[in-house]
C-alpha cells in the first residue's frame, strides 16, 4: 500500500505542475498531462526502490 500511496502523491504533484505550466488547459491537455505524470510517477517510484535495494546491499 505504501507504493501505491507514493505513486499517487507523485502523480498528483506532477499533474498539478503540468497544469500550472501549460498555457491553456483544455480536457485533452489535462488528459495528456495526467498520463505523462502517471508514467513519471511510476518511474520515480521504481528509481527509489532500486536505490534502496542498492543501499541495502552495501
C-alpha atoms as a PDB file:
ATOM      1  CA  UNK A   1       0.000   0.000   0.000  1.00  0.00           C
ATOM      2  CA  UNK A   2       2.941   2.322   0.620  1.00  0.00           C
ATOM      3  CA  UNK A   3       3.969   2.051  -3.008  1.00  0.00           C
ATOM      4  CA  UNK A   4       0.508   2.970  -4.271  1.00  0.00           C
ATOM      5  CA  UNK A   5       0.280   5.993  -1.999  1.00  0.00           C
ATOM      6  CA  UNK A   6       3.750   7.121  -3.089  1.00  0.00           C
ATOM      7  CA  UNK A   7       2.770   6.831  -6.755  1.00  0.00           C
ATOM      8  CA  UNK A   8      -0.466   8.733  -6.121  1.00  0.00           C
ATOM      9  CA  UNK A   9       1.402  11.545  -4.374  1.00  0.00           C
ATOM     10  CA  UNK A  10       3.924  11.793  -7.213  1.00  0.00           C
ATOM     11  CA  UNK A  11       1.094  11.701  -9.752  1.00  0.00           C
ATOM     12  CA  UNK A  12      -0.878  14.459  -8.018  1.00  0.00           C
ATOM     13  CA  UNK A  13       2.164  16.703  -7.707  1.00  0.00           C
ATOM     14  CA  UNK A  14       3.322  16.182 -11.271  1.00  0.00           C
ATOM     15  CA  UNK A  15      -0.179  16.621 -12.687  1.00  0.00           C
ATOM     16  CA  UNK A  16      -0.553  19.850 -10.755  1.00  0.00           C
ATOM     17  CA  UNK A  17       2.790  21.072 -12.029  1.00  0.00           C
ATOM     18  CA  UNK A  18       1.806  20.217 -15.610  1.00  0.00           C
ATOM     19  CA  UNK A  19      -1.458  22.131 -15.298  1.00  0.00           C
ATOM     20  CA  UNK A  20       0.302  25.178 -13.858  1.00  0.00           C
ATOM     21  CA  UNK A  21       2.918  25.240 -16.607  1.00  0.00           C
ATOM     22  CA  UNK A  22       0.538  24.713 -19.557  1.00  0.00           C
ATOM     23  CA  UNK A  23      -0.731  27.981 -21.012  1.00  0.00           C
ATOM     24  CA  UNK A  24      -4.241  26.847 -21.948  1.00  0.00           C
ATOM     25  CA  UNK A  25      -5.832  23.994 -20.045  1.00  0.00           C
ATOM     26  CA  UNK A  26      -8.382  22.055 -22.073  1.00  0.00           C
ATOM     27  CA  UNK A  27      -9.571  18.472 -21.493  1.00  0.00           C
ATOM     28  CA  UNK A  28      -7.055  16.972 -23.920  1.00  0.00           C
ATOM     29  CA  UNK A  29      -4.126  18.802 -22.284  1.00  0.00           C
ATOM     30  CA  UNK A  30      -5.324  17.656 -18.857  1.00  0.00           C
ATOM     31  CA  UNK A  31      -5.572  14.036 -20.034  1.00  0.00           C
ATOM     32  CA  UNK A  32      -2.130  14.083 -21.641  1.00  0.00           C
ATOM     33  CA  UNK A  33      -0.648  15.691 -18.536  1.00  0.00           C
ATOM     34  CA  UNK A  34      -2.260  13.138 -16.250  1.00  0.00           C
ATOM     35  CA  UNK A  35      -0.995  10.253 -18.386  1.00  0.00           C
ATOM     36  CA  UNK A  36       2.542  11.642 -18.573  1.00  0.00           C
ATOM     37  CA  UNK A  37       2.508  12.289 -14.827  1.00  0.00           C
ATOM     38  CA  UNK A  38       1.466   8.685 -14.166  1.00  0.00           C
ATOM     39  CA  UNK A  39       4.369   7.350 -16.230  1.00  0.00           C
ATOM     40  CA  UNK A  40       6.786   9.677 -14.427  1.00  0.00           C
ATOM     41  CA  UNK A  41       5.347   8.746 -11.017  1.00  0.00           C
ATOM     42  CA  UNK A  42       5.835   5.028 -11.654  1.00  0.00           C
ATOM     43  CA  UNK A  43       9.388   5.706 -12.851  1.00  0.00           C
ATOM     44  CA  UNK A  44      10.150   7.779  -9.735  1.00  0.00           C
ATOM     45  CA  UNK A  45       8.835   5.004  -7.501  1.00  0.00           C
ATOM     46  CA  UNK A  46      10.891   2.379  -9.336  1.00  0.00           C
ATOM     47  CA  UNK A  47      14.029   4.520  -9.101  1.00  0.00           C
ATOM     48  CA  UNK A  48      13.569   4.996  -5.356  1.00  0.00           C
ATOM     49  CA  UNK A  49      13.095   1.259  -4.826  1.00  0.00           C
ATOM     50  CA  UNK A  50      16.185   0.477  -6.881  1.00  0.00           C
ATOM     51  CA  UNK A  51      18.234   2.973  -4.866  1.00  0.00           C
ATOM     52  CA  UNK A  52      17.004   1.440  -1.600  1.00  0.00           C
ATOM     53  CA  UNK A  53      17.933  -2.068  -2.740  1.00  0.00           C
ATOM     54  CA  UNK A  54      21.378  -0.927  -3.785  1.00  0.00           C
ATOM     55  CA  UNK A  55      21.920   0.815  -0.443  1.00  0.00           C
ATOM     56  CA  UNK A  56      20.873  -2.346   1.427  1.00  0.00           C
ATOM     57  CA  UNK A  57      23.482  -4.426  -0.415  1.00  0.00           C
ATOM     58  CA  UNK A  58      26.334  -2.161   0.603  1.00  0.00           C
END
